[in-house]
Amino acid sequence: MALIWEYRFDFLAGVWWTVTLSVLSALLALVLAIVAGVARSSKLRVLRIASGVYVEFFRGTSALVQLFWLFYVLPYLGIDLTPLQCATLGLGLCFGAYGAEVVRSCIQAVPQGQLDAAAALNFSYFQTLRIVVLPEALIMMMPLFSNLLIELIKATSLVSLITIPDLTFQAKSIITKTYSSGNVLLVTLAIYLVISLIAASFMRRMEKGLSRGRQTGQPA
């Protein structure tokens, strides 16, 4: 434990980078998931095809290769991104593709009766989407989004390979200095677990809040 205490600031720096990257990537992934998920459910064929290509490409290729491509190949094309930008974009694109399928499936799970009621009220497509479909589907999305968020947090360990000093990077650095892999990796696992538990608890609170808000908004 003395060894862990000695390198506590290294661990804290790694936690800061991991949490920062998780938040930024999750926000980007959420926006992409909603846009692509709605497009996948659109009546316009061109939107379905474009969003389908995005989803299948980023779901079907390695997240690590995507990060390497953004970090090492884009500079040859004249596009210079910082390591943080590469990591945020890479993880956001990858998990946005997975989230798009969650959005699509939850939109399609909205009861047809609610859509018929919206049509009877002469709602436009966007009004139906905003007032009826998305609020209902969002409640169904939350448990699935929670799982994706935890997977994203664990996937941030990949960014250590593109020079970002995240938690995994710091752990490897400490092991190189001390040759004490067992204790360092045990602490690293515990930190990832704590971060994931906090994220899961946050998502559960959001889910409960959305459910209560939806029930309050429904007529008696």
C-alpha atoms as a PDB file:
ATOM      1  CA  MET A   1       0.000   0.000   0.000  1.00  0.00           C
ATOM      2  CA  ALA A   2       2.951   2.322   0.585  1.00  0.00           C
ATOM      3  CA  LEU A   3       3.802   1.909  -3.070  1.00  0.00           C
ATOM      4  CA  ILE A   4       0.276   2.847  -4.123  1.00  0.00           C
ATOM      5  CA  TRP A   5       0.324   5.893  -1.857  1.00  0.00           C
ATOM      6  CA  GLU A   6       3.643   6.980  -3.320  1.00  0.00           C
ATOM      7  CA  TYR A   7       2.126   7.041  -6.822  1.00  0.00           C
ATOM      8  CA  ARG A   8      -1.290   8.362  -5.808  1.00  0.00           C
ATOM      9  CA  PHE A   9      -0.956  11.492  -7.925  1.00  0.00           C
ATOM     10  CA  ASP A  10      -0.211   9.385 -10.992  1.00  0.00           C
ATOM     11  CA  PHE A  11      -3.405   7.417 -10.385  1.00  0.00           C
ATOM     12  CA  LEU A  12      -5.389  10.616  -9.813  1.00  0.00           C
ATOM     13  CA  ALA A  13      -4.086  12.092 -13.069  1.00  0.00           C
ATOM     14  CA  GLY A  14      -5.106   8.896 -14.865  1.00  0.00           C
ATOM     15  CA  VAL A  15      -8.570   9.015 -13.306  1.00  0.00           C
ATOM     16  CA  TRP A  16      -8.989  12.641 -14.420  1.00  0.00           C
ATOM     17  CA  TRP A  17      -8.141  11.777 -18.020  1.00  0.00           C
ATOM     18  CA  THR A  18     -10.343   8.664 -17.998  1.00  0.00           C
ATOM     19  CA  VAL A  19     -13.365  10.491 -16.582  1.00  0.00           C
ATOM     20  CA  THR A  20     -12.882  13.508 -18.867  1.00  0.00           C
ATOM     21  CA  LEU A  21     -12.610  11.333 -21.943  1.00  0.00           C
ATOM     22  CA  SER A  22     -15.594   9.224 -20.870  1.00  0.00           C
ATOM     23  CA  VAL A  23     -17.804  12.299 -20.462  1.00  0.00           C
ATOM     24  CA  LEU A  24     -16.761  13.912 -23.751  1.00  0.00           C
ATOM     25  CA  SER A  25     -17.071  10.669 -25.722  1.00  0.00           C
ATOM     26  CA  ALA A  26     -20.411   9.823 -24.129  1.00  0.00           C
ATOM     27  CA  LEU A  27     -21.863  13.231 -25.051  1.00  0.00           C
ATOM     28  CA  LEU A  28     -20.710  12.880 -28.649  1.00  0.00           C
ATOM     29  CA  ALA A  29     -21.967   9.292 -28.805  1.00  0.00           C
ATOM     30  CA  LEU A  30     -25.373  10.350 -27.437  1.00  0.00           C
ATOM     31  CA  VAL A  31     -25.837  13.021 -30.115  1.00  0.00           C
ATOM     32  CA  LEU A  32     -24.729  10.656 -32.889  1.00  0.00           C
ATOM     33  CA  ALA A  33     -26.901   7.835 -31.537  1.00  0.00           C
ATOM     34  CA  ILE A  34     -30.055   9.950 -31.499  1.00  0.00           C
ATOM     35  CA  VAL A  35     -29.430  11.431 -34.950  1.00  0.00           C
ATOM     36  CA  ALA A  36     -28.495   8.111 -36.556  1.00  0.00           C
ATOM     37  CA  GLY A  37     -31.198   6.191 -34.674  1.00  0.00           C
ATOM     38  CA  VAL A  38     -33.921   8.566 -35.804  1.00  0.00           C
ATOM     39  CA  ALA A  39     -32.529   8.454 -39.347  1.00  0.00           C
ATOM     40  CA  ARG A  40     -32.625   4.638 -39.238  1.00  0.00           C
ATOM     41  CA  SER A  41     -36.331   4.877 -38.453  1.00  0.00           C
ATOM     42  CA  SER A  42     -37.020   7.545 -41.072  1.00  0.00           C
ATOM     43  CA  LYS A  43     -39.346   7.055 -44.024  1.00  0.00           C
ATOM     44  CA  LEU A  44     -36.709   8.608 -46.280  1.00  0.00           C
ATOM     45  CA  ARG A  45     -34.655   5.878 -47.907  1.00  0.00           C
ATOM     46  CA  VAL A  46     -31.562   8.040 -48.329  1.00  0.00           C
ATOM     47  CA  LEU A  47     -31.439   8.707 -44.567  1.00  0.00           C
ATOM     48  CA  ARG A  48     -31.862   5.019 -43.761  1.00  0.00           C
ATOM     49  CA  ILE A  49     -29.063   4.063 -46.140  1.00  0.00           C
ATOM     50  CA  ALA A  50     -26.651   6.777 -44.921  1.00  0.00           C
ATOM     51  CA  SER A  51     -27.232   5.997 -41.253  1.00  0.00           C
ATOM     52  CA  GLY A  52     -27.061   2.265 -41.965  1.00  0.00           C
ATOM     53  CA  VAL A  53     -23.638   2.641 -43.587  1.00  0.00           C
ATOM     54  CA  TYR A  54     -22.393   4.613 -40.576  1.00  0.00           C
ATOM     55  CA  VAL A  55     -23.722   2.083 -38.079  1.00  0.00           C
ATOM     56  CA  GLU A  56     -22.473  -1.005 -39.874  1.00  0.00           C
ATOM     57  CA  PHE A  57     -19.019   0.474 -40.536  1.00  0.00           C
ATOM     58  CA  PHE A  58     -18.290   1.560 -36.995  1.00  0.00           C
ATOM     59  CA  ARG A  59     -19.885  -1.512 -35.415  1.00  0.00           C
ATOM     60  CA  GLY A  60     -18.068  -3.852 -37.765  1.00  0.00           C
ATOM     61  CA  THR A  61     -14.540  -2.462 -37.436  1.00  0.00           C
ATOM     62  CA  SER A  62     -12.103  -2.444 -34.538  1.00  0.00           C
ATOM     63  CA  ALA A  63     -12.277   0.547 -32.215  1.00  0.00           C
ATOM     64  CA  LEU A  64      -8.502   0.322 -31.794  1.00  0.00           C
ATOM     65  CA  VAL A  65      -7.914   0.476 -35.555  1.00  0.00           C
ATOM     66  CA  GLN A  66     -10.292   3.445 -35.771  1.00  0.00           C
ATOM     67  CA  LEU A  67      -8.250   5.274 -33.117  1.00  0.00           C
ATOM     68  CA  PHE A  68      -4.986   4.440 -34.891  1.00  0.00           C
ATOM     69  CA  TRP A  69      -6.429   5.662 -38.194  1.00  0.00           C
ATOM     70  CA  LEU A  70      -7.525   8.988 -36.691  1.00  0.00           C
ATOM     71  CA  PHE A  71      -4.222   9.464 -34.867  1.00  0.00           C
ATOM     72  CA  TYR A  72      -1.716   8.276 -37.462  1.00  0.00           C
ATOM     73  CA  VAL A  73      -3.424   8.582 -40.880  1.00  0.00           C
ATOM     74  CA  LEU A  74      -5.324  11.882 -40.682  1.00  0.00           C
ATOM     75  CA  PRO A  75      -2.106  13.954 -40.354  1.00  0.00           C
ATOM     76  CA  TYR A  76      -1.035  12.610 -43.767  1.00  0.00           C
ATOM     77  CA  LEU A  77      -4.303  14.007 -45.142  1.00  0.00           C
ATOM     78  CA  GLY A  78      -3.587  17.415 -43.664  1.00  0.00           C
ATOM     79  CA  ILE A  79      -5.907  17.028 -40.671  1.00  0.00           C
ATOM     80  CA  ASP A  80      -4.090  17.409 -37.356  1.00  0.00           C
ATOM     81  CA  LEU A  81      -6.061  16.497 -34.253  1.00  0.00           C
ATOM     82  CA  THR A  82      -4.830  16.413 -30.684  1.00  0.00           C
ATOM     83  CA  PRO A  83      -4.748  13.010 -28.970  1.00  0.00           C
ATOM     84  CA  LEU A  84      -7.783  14.011 -26.894  1.00  0.00           C
ATOM     85  CA  GLN A  85      -9.715  15.010 -30.012  1.00  0.00           C
ATOM     86  CA  CYS A  86      -8.788  11.737 -31.730  1.00  0.00           C
ATOM     87  CA  ALA A  87      -9.844   9.698 -28.713  1.00  0.00           C
ATOM     88  CA  THR A  88     -13.108  11.565 -28.221  1.00  0.00           C
ATOM     89  CA  LEU A  89     -13.998  11.344 -31.906  1.00  0.00           C
ATOM     90  CA  GLY A  90     -12.999   7.693 -32.218  1.00  0.00           C
ATOM     91  CA  LEU A  91     -14.884   6.459 -29.162  1.00  0.00           C
ATOM     92  CA  GLY A  92     -17.831   8.767 -29.865  1.00  0.00           C
ATOM     93  CA  LEU A  93     -18.228   7.476 -33.411  1.00  0.00           C
ATOM     94  CA  CYS A  94     -17.864   3.857 -32.340  1.00  0.00           C
ATOM     95  CA  PHE A  95     -20.312   3.924 -29.436  1.00  0.00           C
ATOM     96  CA  GLY A  96     -22.647   6.288 -31.271  1.00  0.00           C
ATOM     97  CA  ALA A  97     -23.112   3.497 -33.811  1.00  0.00           C
ATOM     98  CA  TYR A  98     -24.040   1.009 -31.097  1.00  0.00           C
ATOM     99  CA  GLY A  99     -26.316   3.578 -29.481  1.00  0.00           C
ATOM    100  CA  ALA A 100     -28.058   4.254 -32.796  1.00  0.00           C
ATOM    101  CA  GLU A 101     -29.367   0.696 -32.819  1.00  0.00           C
ATOM    102  CA  VAL A 102     -30.640   1.170 -29.276  1.00  0.00           C
ATOM    103  CA  VAL A 103     -32.472   4.340 -30.342  1.00  0.00           C
ATOM    104  CA  ARG A 104     -33.904   2.661 -33.447  1.00  0.00           C
ATOM    105  CA  SER A 105     -35.195  -0.386 -31.563  1.00  0.00           C
ATOM    106  CA  CYS A 106     -36.745   1.706 -28.782  1.00  0.00           C
ATOM    107  CA  ILE A 107     -38.452   4.018 -31.278  1.00  0.00           C
ATOM    108  CA  GLN A 108     -39.945   1.002 -33.012  1.00  0.00           C
ATOM    109  CA  ALA A 109     -41.103  -0.340 -29.624  1.00  0.00           C
ATOM    110  CA  VAL A 110     -43.352   2.671 -28.954  1.00  0.00           C
ATOM    111  CA  PRO A 111     -46.963   1.372 -28.960  1.00  0.00           C
ATOM    112  CA  GLN A 112     -48.820   1.936 -32.215  1.00  0.00           C
ATOM    113  CA  GLY A 113     -51.769   3.324 -30.255  1.00  0.00           C
ATOM    114  CA  GLN A 114     -49.732   6.361 -29.252  1.00  0.00           C
ATOM    115  CA  LEU A 115     -48.773   6.986 -32.853  1.00  0.00           C
ATOM    116  CA  ASP A 116     -52.423   6.691 -33.890  1.00  0.00           C
ATOM    117  CA  ALA A 117     -53.389   9.199 -31.188  1.00  0.00           C
ATOM    118  CA  ALA A 118     -50.753  11.621 -32.477  1.00  0.00           C
ATOM    119  CA  ALA A 119     -52.106  11.212 -36.011  1.00  0.00           C
ATOM    120  CA  ALA A 120     -55.638  11.851 -34.740  1.00  0.00           C
ATOM    121  CA  LEU A 121     -54.406  15.110 -33.200  1.00  0.00           C
ATOM    122  CA  ASN A 122     -52.943  16.042 -36.590  1.00  0.00           C
ATOM    123  CA  PHE A 123     -49.374  16.109 -35.305  1.00  0.00           C
ATOM    124  CA  SER A 124     -46.633  16.488 -37.888  1.00  0.00           C
ATOM    125  CA  TYR A 125     -43.820  13.913 -38.100  1.00  0.00           C
ATOM    126  CA  PHE A 126     -41.488  16.079 -36.011  1.00  0.00           C
ATOM    127  CA  GLN A 127     -44.187  16.879 -33.457  1.00  0.00           C
ATOM    128  CA  THR A 128     -44.933  13.177 -33.094  1.00  0.00           C
ATOM    129  CA  LEU A 129     -41.251  12.453 -32.698  1.00  0.00           C
ATOM    130  CA  ARG A 130     -40.648  15.208 -30.143  1.00  0.00           C
ATOM    131  CA  ILE A 131     -43.828  14.965 -28.085  1.00  0.00           C
ATOM    132  CA  VAL A 132     -44.778  11.295 -28.303  1.00  0.00           C
ATOM    133  CA  VAL A 133     -42.031   9.000 -29.571  1.00  0.00           C
ATOM    134  CA  LEU A 134     -38.764  10.223 -28.047  1.00  0.00           C
ATOM    135  CA  PRO A 135     -40.055  10.822 -24.480  1.00  0.00           C
ATOM    136  CA  GLU A 136     -41.507   7.302 -24.430  1.00  0.00           C
ATOM    137  CA  ALA A 137     -38.524   5.685 -26.116  1.00  0.00           C
ATOM    138  CA  LEU A 138     -36.009   7.499 -23.919  1.00  0.00           C
ATOM    139  CA  ILE A 139     -37.238   5.663 -20.832  1.00  0.00           C
ATOM    140  CA  MET A 140     -36.689   2.342 -22.608  1.00  0.00           C
ATOM    141  CA  MET A 141     -33.235   3.465 -23.784  1.00  0.00           C
ATOM    142  CA  MET A 142     -31.830   4.274 -20.359  1.00  0.00           C
ATOM    143  CA  PRO A 143     -30.901   0.741 -19.159  1.00  0.00           C
ATOM    144  CA  LEU A 144     -29.299   0.004 -22.528  1.00  0.00           C
ATOM    145  CA  PHE A 145     -27.481   3.343 -22.554  1.00  0.00           C
ATOM    146  CA  SER A 146     -26.229   2.555 -19.057  1.00  0.00           C
ATOM    147  CA  ASN A 147     -24.618  -0.646 -20.334  1.00  0.00           C
ATOM    148  CA  LEU A 148     -23.063   1.226 -23.263  1.00  0.00           C
ATOM    149  CA  LEU A 149     -21.675   3.898 -20.935  1.00  0.00           C
ATOM    150  CA  ILE A 150     -19.933   1.288 -18.806  1.00  0.00           C
ATOM    151  CA  GLU A 151     -18.527  -0.365 -21.934  1.00  0.00           C
ATOM    152  CA  LEU A 152     -17.298   3.044 -23.105  1.00  0.00           C
ATOM    153  CA  ILE A 153     -15.567   3.682 -19.779  1.00  0.00           C
ATOM    154  CA  LYS A 154     -13.730   0.377 -20.090  1.00  0.00           C
ATOM    155  CA  ALA A 155     -12.894   1.090 -23.733  1.00  0.00           C
ATOM    156  CA  THR A 156     -11.090   4.284 -22.736  1.00  0.00           C
ATOM    157  CA  SER A 157      -8.156   2.033 -21.813  1.00  0.00           C
ATOM    158  CA  LEU A 158      -7.427   1.853 -25.565  1.00  0.00           C
ATOM    159  CA  VAL A 159      -6.434   5.509 -25.684  1.00  0.00           C
ATOM    160  CA  SER A 160      -3.257   4.772 -23.739  1.00  0.00           C
ATOM    161  CA  LEU A 161      -1.934   3.536 -27.096  1.00  0.00           C
ATOM    162  CA  ILE A 162      -2.251   7.000 -28.640  1.00  0.00           C
ATOM    163  CA  THR A 163      -0.250   8.734 -25.886  1.00  0.00           C
ATOM    164  CA  ILE A 164      -3.118   9.865 -23.638  1.00  0.00           C
ATOM    165  CA  PRO A 165      -2.048   9.418 -19.976  1.00  0.00           C
ATOM    166  CA  ASP A 166      -5.286   7.805 -18.848  1.00  0.00           C
ATOM    167  CA  LEU A 167      -5.609   5.324 -15.991  1.00  0.00           C
ATOM    168  CA  THR A 168      -4.264   2.377 -17.992  1.00  0.00           C
ATOM    169  CA  PHE A 169      -1.338   4.450 -19.271  1.00  0.00           C
ATOM    170  CA  GLN A 170      -0.451   5.496 -15.728  1.00  0.00           C
ATOM    171  CA  ALA A 171      -0.740   1.922 -14.465  1.00  0.00           C
ATOM    172  CA  LYS A 172       1.668   0.665 -17.131  1.00  0.00           C
ATOM    173  CA  SER A 173       4.035   3.516 -16.346  1.00  0.00           C
ATOM    174  CA  ILE A 174       4.028   2.708 -12.624  1.00  0.00           C
ATOM    175  CA  ILE A 175       4.601  -0.998 -13.329  1.00  0.00           C
ATOM    176  CA  THR A 176       7.589  -0.088 -15.501  1.00  0.00           C
ATOM    177  CA  LYS A 177       9.068   1.914 -12.626  1.00  0.00           C
ATOM    178  CA  THR A 178       8.301  -0.482  -9.764  1.00  0.00           C
ATOM    179  CA  TYR A 179       7.905  -3.964 -11.304  1.00  0.00           C
ATOM    180  CA  SER A 180       4.973  -4.434  -8.940  1.00  0.00           C
ATOM    181  CA  SER A 181       2.308  -5.447 -11.418  1.00  0.00           C
ATOM    182  CA  GLY A 182      -0.004  -7.293  -9.030  1.00  0.00           C
ATOM    183  CA  ASN A 183      -0.739  -4.418  -6.648  1.00  0.00           C
ATOM    184  CA  VAL A 184      -0.868  -1.789  -9.375  1.00  0.00           C
ATOM    185  CA  LEU A 185      -3.274  -3.751 -11.567  1.00  0.00           C
ATOM    186  CA  LEU A 186      -5.461  -4.612  -8.573  1.00  0.00           C
ATOM    187  CA  VAL A 187      -5.804  -0.921  -7.699  1.00  0.00           C
ATOM    188  CA  THR A 188      -6.429  -0.084 -11.364  1.00  0.00           C
ATOM    189  CA  LEU A 189      -9.225  -2.657 -11.553  1.00  0.00           C
ATOM    190  CA  ALA A 190     -10.773  -1.282  -8.360  1.00  0.00           C
ATOM    191  CA  ILE A 191     -10.705   2.280  -9.721  1.00  0.00           C
ATOM    192  CA  TYR A 192     -12.387   1.234 -12.970  1.00  0.00           C
ATOM    193  CA  LEU A 193     -15.014  -0.603 -10.927  1.00  0.00           C
ATOM    194  CA  VAL A 194     -15.719   2.445  -8.764  1.00  0.00           C
ATOM    195  CA  ILE A 195     -16.032   4.715 -11.823  1.00  0.00           C
ATOM    196  CA  SER A 196     -18.416   2.236 -13.471  1.00  0.00           C
ATOM    197  CA  LEU A 197     -20.545   1.906 -10.326  1.00  0.00           C
ATOM    198  CA  ILE A 198     -20.847   5.684 -10.037  1.00  0.00           C
ATOM    199  CA  ALA A 199     -21.835   5.930 -13.716  1.00  0.00           C
ATOM    200  CA  ALA A 200     -24.402   3.131 -13.331  1.00  0.00           C
ATOM    201  CA  SER A 201     -25.881   4.804 -10.241  1.00  0.00           C
ATOM    202  CA  PHE A 202     -26.143   8.114 -12.126  1.00  0.00           C
ATOM    203  CA  MET A 203     -27.921   6.432 -15.035  1.00  0.00           C
ATOM    204  CA  ARG A 204     -30.388   4.686 -12.679  1.00  0.00           C
ATOM    205  CA  ARG A 205     -31.239   8.026 -11.086  1.00  0.00           C
ATOM    206  CA  MET A 206     -31.827   9.525 -14.520  1.00  0.00           C
ATOM    207  CA  GLU A 207     -34.041   6.615 -15.481  1.00  0.00           C
ATOM    208  CA  LYS A 208     -36.144   6.990 -12.329  1.00  0.00           C
ATOM    209  CA  GLY A 209     -36.404  10.739 -12.853  1.00  0.00           C
ATOM    210  CA  LEU A 210     -37.578  10.298 -16.441  1.00  0.00           C
ATOM    211  CA  SER A 211     -40.106   7.662 -15.398  1.00  0.00           C
ATOM    212  CA  ARG A 212     -41.549   9.878 -12.668  1.00  0.00           C
ATOM    213  CA  GLY A 213     -41.674  12.854 -15.032  1.00  0.00           C
ATOM    214  CA  ARG A 214     -43.464  10.799 -17.676  1.00  0.00           C
ATOM    215  CA  GLN A 215     -46.016   9.500 -15.173  1.00  0.00           C
ATOM    216  CA  THR A 216     -46.607  13.018 -13.830  1.00  0.00           C
ATOM    217  CA  GLY A 217     -47.175  14.352 -17.343  1.00  0.00           C
ATOM    218  CA  GLN A 218     -49.781  11.737 -18.212  1.00  0.00           C
ATOM    219  CA  PRO A 219     -53.428  12.648 -17.694  1.00  0.00           C
ATOM    220  CA  ALA A 220     -55.244  10.911 -14.868  1.00  0.00           C
END
